[in-house]
Amino acid sequence: MLDSLGQQGLLGIIVNLMVLTIVWWSIQSFNFDVFFKKGDEWRAKVFVILITIALTHLVSSFLLNYLNWSMMLRYLF
């Protein structure tokens, strides 16, 4: 049982890091400086970081939940 928990933990970390890099890479194409005043570039950077973290959480939670639910389907029959 503990081996399974360790594997799930490692899988969760790997999925989160992969999704984080994909989201960070894809969000770099947007220019968020347009929405902020001149001189507030650091706020735009912080906003990009927070958006990246939020999207990473949403996508990785979906993927890990989907994987977990699909693994539980074998107990249905």
PDB file of N, CA and C in Angstrom:
ATOM      1  N   MET A   1       0.823  -1.201   0.000  1.00  0.00           N
ATOM      2  CA  MET A   1       0.000   0.000   0.000  1.00  0.00           C
ATOM      3  C   MET A   1       0.867   1.265   0.000  1.00  0.00           C
ATOM      4  N   LEU A   2       1.912   1.251   0.811  1.00  0.00           N
ATOM      5  CA  LEU A   2       2.769   2.431   0.865  1.00  0.00           C
ATOM      6  C   LEU A   2       3.534   2.636  -0.429  1.00  0.00           C
ATOM      7  N   ASP A   3       3.857   1.544  -1.115  1.00  0.00           N
ATOM      8  CA  ASP A   3       4.518   1.678  -2.416  1.00  0.00           C
ATOM      9  C   ASP A   3       3.608   2.403  -3.396  1.00  0.00           C
ATOM     10  N   SER A   4       2.313   2.076  -3.343  1.00  0.00           N
ATOM     11  CA  SER A   4       1.348   2.711  -4.239  1.00  0.00           C
ATOM     12  C   SER A   4       1.237   4.209  -3.945  1.00  0.00           C
ATOM     13  N   LEU A   5       1.255   4.555  -2.664  1.00  0.00           N
ATOM     14  CA  LEU A   5       1.184   5.976  -2.302  1.00  0.00           C
ATOM     15  C   LEU A   5       2.419   6.734  -2.770  1.00  0.00           C
ATOM     16  N   GLY A   6       3.574   6.090  -2.656  1.00  0.00           N
ATOM     17  CA  GLY A   6       4.804   6.717  -3.129  1.00  0.00           C
ATOM     18  C   GLY A   6       4.804   6.917  -4.631  1.00  0.00           C
ATOM     19  N   GLN A   7       4.277   5.935  -5.346  1.00  0.00           N
ATOM     20  CA  GLN A   7       4.198   6.049  -6.802  1.00  0.00           C
ATOM     21  C   GLN A   7       3.211   7.131  -7.211  1.00  0.00           C
ATOM     22  N   GLN A   8       2.099   7.222  -6.502  1.00  0.00           N
ATOM     23  CA  GLN A   8       1.122   8.275  -6.808  1.00  0.00           C
ATOM     24  C   GLN A   8       1.702   9.656  -6.521  1.00  0.00           C
ATOM     25  N   GLY A   9       2.466   9.758  -5.439  1.00  0.00           N
ATOM     26  CA  GLY A   9       3.100  11.030  -5.121  1.00  0.00           C
ATOM     27  C   GLY A   9       4.111  11.449  -6.169  1.00  0.00           C
ATOM     28  N   LEU A  10       4.921  10.493  -6.601  1.00  0.00           N
ATOM     29  CA  LEU A  10       5.910  10.779  -7.643  1.00  0.00           C
ATOM     30  C   LEU A  10       5.236  11.141  -8.956  1.00  0.00           C
ATOM     31  N   LEU A  11       4.175  10.415  -9.300  1.00  0.00           N
ATOM     32  CA  LEU A  11       3.430  10.723 -10.515  1.00  0.00           C
ATOM     33  C   LEU A  11       2.814  12.120 -10.441  1.00  0.00           C
ATOM     34  N   GLY A  12       2.285  12.474  -9.270  1.00  0.00           N
ATOM     35  CA  GLY A  12       1.710  13.810  -9.095  1.00  0.00           C
ATOM     36  C   GLY A  12       2.734  14.916  -9.281  1.00  0.00           C
ATOM     37  N   ILE A  13       3.924  14.718  -8.732  1.00  0.00           N
ATOM     38  CA  ILE A  13       4.991  15.712  -8.880  1.00  0.00           C
ATOM     39  C   ILE A  13       5.407  15.842 -10.344  1.00  0.00           C
ATOM     40  N   ILE A  14       5.577  14.714 -11.019  1.00  0.00           N
ATOM     41  CA  ILE A  14       6.002  14.739 -12.417  1.00  0.00           C
ATOM     42  C   ILE A  14       4.949  15.407 -13.297  1.00  0.00           C
ATOM     43  N   VAL A  15       3.677  15.059 -13.081  1.00  0.00           N
ATOM     44  CA  VAL A  15       2.603  15.665 -13.880  1.00  0.00           C
ATOM     45  C   VAL A  15       2.530  17.165 -13.628  1.00  0.00           C
ATOM     46  N   ASN A  16       2.631  17.578 -12.371  1.00  0.00           N
ATOM     47  CA  ASN A  16       2.589  19.010 -12.056  1.00  0.00           C
ATOM     48  C   ASN A  16       3.731  19.765 -12.722  1.00  0.00           C
ATOM     49  N   LEU A  17       4.932  19.215 -12.697  1.00  0.00           N
ATOM     50  CA  LEU A  17       6.072  19.893 -13.311  1.00  0.00           C
ATOM     51  C   LEU A  17       5.950  19.951 -14.825  1.00  0.00           C
ATOM     52  N   MET A  18       5.446  18.874 -15.426  1.00  0.00           N
ATOM     53  CA  MET A  18       5.264  18.889 -16.881  1.00  0.00           C
ATOM     54  C   MET A  18       4.203  19.911 -17.284  1.00  0.00           C
ATOM     55  N   VAL A  19       3.098  19.925 -16.568  1.00  0.00           N
ATOM     56  CA  VAL A  19       2.033  20.878 -16.887  1.00  0.00           C
ATOM     57  C   VAL A  19       2.509  22.307 -16.629  1.00  0.00           C
ATOM     58  N   LEU A  20       3.288  22.512 -15.572  1.00  0.00           N
ATOM     59  CA  LEU A  20       3.820  23.847 -15.274  1.00  0.00           C
ATOM     60  C   LEU A  20       4.681  24.358 -16.415  1.00  0.00           C
ATOM     61  N   THR A  21       5.551  23.522 -16.945  1.00  0.00           N
ATOM     62  CA  THR A  21       6.407  23.979 -18.046  1.00  0.00           C
ATOM     63  C   THR A  21       5.591  24.256 -19.305  1.00  0.00           C
ATOM     64  N   ILE A  22       4.590  23.419 -19.574  1.00  0.00           N
ATOM     65  CA  ILE A  22       3.758  23.644 -20.765  1.00  0.00           C
ATOM     66  C   ILE A  22       2.951  24.924 -20.627  1.00  0.00           C
ATOM     67  N   VAL A  23       2.364  25.153 -19.462  1.00  0.00           N
ATOM     68  CA  VAL A  23       1.566  26.367 -19.247  1.00  0.00           C
ATOM     69  C   VAL A  23       2.459  27.603 -19.285  1.00  0.00           C
ATOM     70  N   TRP A  24       3.624  27.536 -18.647  1.00  0.00           N
ATOM     71  CA  TRP A  24       4.547  28.683 -18.647  1.00  0.00           C
ATOM     72  C   TRP A  24       4.990  29.012 -20.072  1.00  0.00           C
ATOM     73  N   TRP A  25       5.307  27.980 -20.841  1.00  0.00           N
ATOM     74  CA  TRP A  25       5.730  28.183 -22.222  1.00  0.00           C
ATOM     75  C   TRP A  25       4.608  28.789 -23.050  1.00  0.00           C
ATOM     76  N   SER A  26       3.387  28.304 -22.871  1.00  0.00           N
ATOM     77  CA  SER A  26       2.282  28.789 -23.696  1.00  0.00           C
ATOM     78  C   SER A  26       1.819  30.182 -23.285  1.00  0.00           C
ATOM     79  N   ILE A  27       1.941  30.543 -22.027  1.00  0.00           N
ATOM     80  CA  ILE A  27       1.447  31.847 -21.580  1.00  0.00           C
ATOM     81  C   ILE A  27       2.436  32.970 -21.910  1.00  0.00           C
ATOM     82  N   GLN A  28       3.653  32.624 -22.280  1.00  0.00           N
ATOM     83  CA  GLN A  28       4.649  33.641 -22.618  1.00  0.00           C
ATOM     84  C   GLN A  28       4.301  34.390 -23.898  1.00  0.00           C
ATOM     85  N   SER A  29       3.429  33.842 -24.715  1.00  0.00           N
ATOM     86  CA  SER A  29       3.073  34.502 -25.967  1.00  0.00           C
ATOM     87  C   SER A  29       2.102  35.675 -25.760  1.00  0.00           C
ATOM     88  N   PHE A  30       1.455  35.727 -24.605  1.00  0.00           N
ATOM     89  CA  PHE A  30       0.528  36.819 -24.328  1.00  0.00           C
ATOM     90  C   PHE A  30       1.269  38.034 -23.779  1.00  0.00           C
ATOM     91  N   ASN A  31       0.815  39.208 -24.152  1.00  0.00           N
ATOM     92  CA  ASN A  31       1.412  40.451 -23.675  1.00  0.00           C
ATOM     93  C   ASN A  31       0.483  41.070 -22.624  1.00  0.00           C
ATOM     94  N   PHE A  32       0.771  40.779 -21.367  1.00  0.00           N
ATOM     95  CA  PHE A  32      -0.057  41.277 -20.284  1.00  0.00           C
ATOM     96  C   PHE A  32       0.306  42.710 -19.878  1.00  0.00           C
ATOM     97  N   ASP A  33       1.400  43.255 -20.415  1.00  0.00           N
ATOM     98  CA  ASP A  33       1.813  44.618 -20.093  1.00  0.00           C
ATOM     99  C   ASP A  33       0.786  45.642 -20.560  1.00  0.00           C
ATOM    100  N   VAL A  34      -0.022  45.272 -21.532  1.00  0.00           N
ATOM    101  CA  VAL A  34      -1.034  46.182 -22.067  1.00  0.00           C
ATOM    102  C   VAL A  34      -2.082  46.511 -21.002  1.00  0.00           C
ATOM    103  N   PHE A  35      -2.338  45.587 -20.102  1.00  0.00           N
ATOM    104  CA  PHE A  35      -3.370  45.763 -19.089  1.00  0.00           C
ATOM    105  C   PHE A  35      -2.891  46.511 -17.854  1.00  0.00           C
ATOM    106  N   PHE A  36      -1.610  46.835 -17.788  1.00  0.00           N
ATOM    107  CA  PHE A  36      -1.040  47.503 -16.621  1.00  0.00           C
ATOM    108  C   PHE A  36      -0.466  48.857 -17.028  1.00  0.00           C
ATOM    109  N   LYS A  37      -0.355  49.752 -16.046  1.00  0.00           N
ATOM    110  CA  LYS A  37       0.204  51.084 -16.303  1.00  0.00           C
ATOM    111  C   LYS A  37       1.695  50.968 -16.596  1.00  0.00           C
ATOM    112  N   LYS A  38       2.224  52.014 -17.231  1.00  0.00           N
ATOM    113  CA  LYS A  38       3.672  52.057 -17.465  1.00  0.00           C
ATOM    114  C   LYS A  38       4.387  52.130 -16.126  1.00  0.00           C
ATOM    115  N   GLY A  39       5.455  51.397 -16.011  1.00  0.00           N
ATOM    116  CA  GLY A  39       6.210  51.366 -14.774  1.00  0.00           C
ATOM    117  C   GLY A  39       5.778  50.249 -13.835  1.00  0.00           C
ATOM    118  N   ASP A  40       4.712  49.549 -14.188  1.00  0.00           N
ATOM    119  CA  ASP A  40       4.230  48.439 -13.365  1.00  0.00           C
ATOM    120  C   ASP A  40       4.515  47.098 -14.022  1.00  0.00           C
ATOM    121  N   GLU A  41       5.687  46.973 -14.642  1.00  0.00           N
ATOM    122  CA  GLU A  41       6.023  45.725 -15.306  1.00  0.00           C
ATOM    123  C   GLU A  41       6.144  44.579 -14.320  1.00  0.00           C
ATOM    124  N   TRP A  42       6.591  44.876 -13.111  1.00  0.00           N
ATOM    125  CA  TRP A  42       6.743  43.817 -12.112  1.00  0.00           C
ATOM    126  C   TRP A  42       5.384  43.255 -11.714  1.00  0.00           C
ATOM    127  N   ARG A  43       4.342  44.096 -11.722  1.00  0.00           N
ATOM    128  CA  ARG A  43       2.997  43.591 -11.414  1.00  0.00           C
ATOM    129  C   ARG A  43       2.510  42.666 -12.523  1.00  0.00           C
ATOM    130  N   ALA A  44       2.853  42.979 -13.749  1.00  0.00           N
ATOM    131  CA  ALA A  44       2.487  42.114 -14.869  1.00  0.00           C
ATOM    132  C   ALA A  44       3.196  40.767 -14.747  1.00  0.00           C
ATOM    133  N   LYS A  45       4.453  40.773 -14.329  1.00  0.00           N
ATOM    134  CA  LYS A  45       5.196  39.523 -14.147  1.00  0.00           C
ATOM    135  C   LYS A  45       4.590  38.682 -13.024  1.00  0.00           C
ATOM    136  N   VAL A  46       4.232  39.329 -11.930  1.00  0.00           N
ATOM    137  CA  VAL A  46       3.597  38.615 -10.818  1.00  0.00           C
ATOM    138  C   VAL A  46       2.249  38.049 -11.259  1.00  0.00           C
ATOM    139  N   PHE A  47       1.512  38.828 -12.052  1.00  0.00           N
ATOM    140  CA  PHE A  47       0.232  38.360 -12.570  1.00  0.00           C
ATOM    141  C   PHE A  47       0.422  37.129 -13.452  1.00  0.00           C
ATOM    142  N   VAL A  48       1.430  37.129 -14.290  1.00  0.00           N
ATOM    143  CA  VAL A  48       1.713  35.983 -15.155  1.00  0.00           C
ATOM    144  C   VAL A  48       2.061  34.758 -14.307  1.00  0.00           C
ATOM    145  N   ILE A  49       2.835  34.953 -13.260  1.00  0.00           N
ATOM    146  CA  ILE A  49       3.198  33.839 -12.381  1.00  0.00           C
ATOM    147  C   ILE A  49       1.966  33.270 -11.696  1.00  0.00           C
ATOM    148  N   LEU A  50       1.093  34.138 -11.196  1.00  0.00           N
ATOM    149  CA  LEU A  50      -0.120  33.667 -10.524  1.00  0.00           C
ATOM    150  C   LEU A  50      -1.072  32.961 -11.494  1.00  0.00           C
ATOM    151  N   ILE A  51      -1.207  33.491 -12.692  1.00  0.00           N
ATOM    152  CA  ILE A  51      -2.044  32.835 -13.704  1.00  0.00           C
ATOM    153  C   ILE A  51      -1.468  31.468 -14.070  1.00  0.00           C
ATOM    154  N   THR A  52      -0.150  31.396 -14.179  1.00  0.00           N
ATOM    155  CA  THR A  52       0.501  30.124 -14.492  1.00  0.00           C
ATOM    156  C   THR A  52       0.245  29.092 -13.403  1.00  0.00           C
ATOM    157  N   ILE A  53       0.368  29.496 -12.148  1.00  0.00           N
ATOM    158  CA  ILE A  53       0.129  28.579 -11.033  1.00  0.00           C
ATOM    159  C   ILE A  53      -1.323  28.116 -11.019  1.00  0.00           C
ATOM    160  N   ALA A  54      -2.255  29.040 -11.238  1.00  0.00           N
ATOM    161  CA  ALA A  54      -3.678  28.682 -11.226  1.00  0.00           C
ATOM    162  C   ALA A  54      -4.027  27.714 -12.357  1.00  0.00           C
ATOM    163  N   LEU A  55      -3.546  28.000 -13.554  1.00  0.00           N
ATOM    164  CA  LEU A  55      -3.821  27.103 -14.681  1.00  0.00           C
ATOM    165  C   LEU A  55      -3.157  25.741 -14.500  1.00  0.00           C
ATOM    166  N   THR A  56      -1.963  25.735 -13.941  1.00  0.00           N
ATOM    167  CA  THR A  56      -1.271  24.479 -13.672  1.00  0.00           C
ATOM    168  C   THR A  56      -2.072  23.630 -12.694  1.00  0.00           C
ATOM    169  N   HIS A  57      -2.588  24.265 -11.660  1.00  0.00           N
ATOM    170  CA  HIS A  57      -3.388  23.531 -10.678  1.00  0.00           C
ATOM    171  C   HIS A  57      -4.645  22.942 -11.325  1.00  0.00           C
ATOM    172  N   LEU A  58      -5.324  23.735 -12.121  1.00  0.00           N
ATOM    173  CA  LEU A  58      -6.548  23.250 -12.764  1.00  0.00           C
ATOM    174  C   LEU A  58      -6.283  22.078 -13.708  1.00  0.00           C
ATOM    175  N   VAL A  59      -5.295  22.227 -14.559  1.00  0.00           N
ATOM    176  CA  VAL A  59      -5.024  21.200 -15.572  1.00  0.00           C
ATOM    177  C   VAL A  59      -4.478  19.930 -14.924  1.00  0.00           C
ATOM    178  N   SER A  60      -3.532  20.069 -14.008  1.00  0.00           N
ATOM    179  CA  SER A  60      -2.950  18.871 -13.398  1.00  0.00           C
ATOM    180  C   SER A  60      -3.958  18.163 -12.497  1.00  0.00           C
ATOM    181  N   SER A  61      -4.820  18.913 -11.818  1.00  0.00           N
ATOM    182  CA  SER A  61      -5.860  18.277 -11.013  1.00  0.00           C
ATOM    183  C   SER A  61      -6.811  17.488 -11.897  1.00  0.00           C
ATOM    184  N   PHE A  62      -7.180  18.058 -13.023  1.00  0.00           N
ATOM    185  CA  PHE A  62      -8.039  17.335 -13.957  1.00  0.00           C
ATOM    186  C   PHE A  62      -7.379  16.049 -14.433  1.00  0.00           C
ATOM    187  N   LEU A  63      -6.124  16.134 -14.846  1.00  0.00           N
ATOM    188  CA  LEU A  63      -5.439  14.958 -15.370  1.00  0.00           C
ATOM    189  C   LEU A  63      -5.270  13.872 -14.306  1.00  0.00           C
ATOM    190  N   LEU A  64      -4.874  14.265 -13.102  1.00  0.00           N
ATOM    191  CA  LEU A  64      -4.673  13.282 -12.041  1.00  0.00           C
ATOM    192  C   LEU A  64      -5.995  12.687 -11.574  1.00  0.00           C
ATOM    193  N   ASN A  65      -7.057  13.487 -11.502  1.00  0.00           N
ATOM    194  CA  ASN A  65      -8.375  12.953 -11.147  1.00  0.00           C
ATOM    195  C   ASN A  65      -8.874  11.990 -12.211  1.00  0.00           C
ATOM    196  N   TYR A  66      -8.693  12.343 -13.465  1.00  0.00           N
ATOM    197  CA  TYR A  66      -9.114  11.475 -14.565  1.00  0.00           C
ATOM    198  C   TYR A  66      -8.376  10.142 -14.509  1.00  0.00           C
ATOM    199  N   LEU A  67      -7.080  10.198 -14.249  1.00  0.00           N
ATOM    200  CA  LEU A  67      -6.293   8.973 -14.132  1.00  0.00           C
ATOM    201  C   LEU A  67      -6.779   8.128 -12.962  1.00  0.00           C
ATOM    202  N   ASN A  68      -7.024   8.764 -11.835  1.00  0.00           N
ATOM    203  CA  ASN A  68      -7.490   8.054 -10.647  1.00  0.00           C
ATOM    204  C   ASN A  68      -8.859   7.417 -10.883  1.00  0.00           C
ATOM    205  N   TRP A  69      -9.758   8.158 -11.509  1.00  0.00           N
ATOM    206  CA  TRP A  69     -11.096   7.622 -11.775  1.00  0.00           C
ATOM    207  C   TRP A  69     -11.038   6.472 -12.775  1.00  0.00           C
ATOM    208  N   SER A  70     -10.188   6.587 -13.773  1.00  0.00           N
ATOM    209  CA  SER A  70     -10.088   5.505 -14.747  1.00  0.00           C
ATOM    210  C   SER A  70      -9.480   4.256 -14.113  1.00  0.00           C
ATOM    211  N   MET A  71      -8.613   4.411 -13.143  1.00  0.00           N
ATOM    212  CA  MET A  71      -8.062   3.252 -12.427  1.00  0.00           C
ATOM    213  C   MET A  71      -9.121   2.594 -11.551  1.00  0.00           C
ATOM    214  N   MET A  72     -10.105   3.365 -11.069  1.00  0.00           N
ATOM    215  CA  MET A  72     -11.166   2.818 -10.226  1.00  0.00           C
ATOM    216  C   MET A  72     -12.225   2.075 -11.026  1.00  0.00           C
ATOM    217  N   LEU A  73     -12.248   2.262 -12.325  1.00  0.00           N
ATOM    218  CA  LEU A  73     -13.253   1.601 -13.156  1.00  0.00           C
ATOM    219  C   LEU A  73     -13.135   0.076 -13.124  1.00  0.00           C
ATOM    220  N   ARG A  74     -11.977  -0.432 -12.839  1.00  0.00           N
ATOM    221  CA  ARG A  74     -11.821  -1.897 -12.804  1.00  0.00           C
ATOM    222  C   ARG A  74     -12.623  -2.519 -11.658  1.00  0.00           C
ATOM    223  N   TYR A  75     -12.967  -1.724 -10.639  1.00  0.00           N
ATOM    224  CA  TYR A  75     -13.764  -2.239  -9.530  1.00  0.00           C
ATOM    225  C   TYR A  75     -15.261  -2.204  -9.821  1.00  0.00           C
ATOM    226  N   LEU A  76     -15.651  -1.657 -10.960  1.00  0.00           N
ATOM    227  CA  LEU A  76     -17.057  -1.563 -11.318  1.00  0.00           C
ATOM    228  C   LEU A  76     -17.646  -2.927 -11.671  1.00  0.00           C
ATOM    229  N   PHE A  77     -16.863  -3.756 -12.334  1.00  0.00           N
ATOM    230  CA  PHE A  77     -17.388  -5.035 -12.792  1.00  0.00           C
ATOM    231  C   PHE A  77     -16.770  -6.188 -12.037  1.00  0.00           C
TER     232      PHE A  77
END
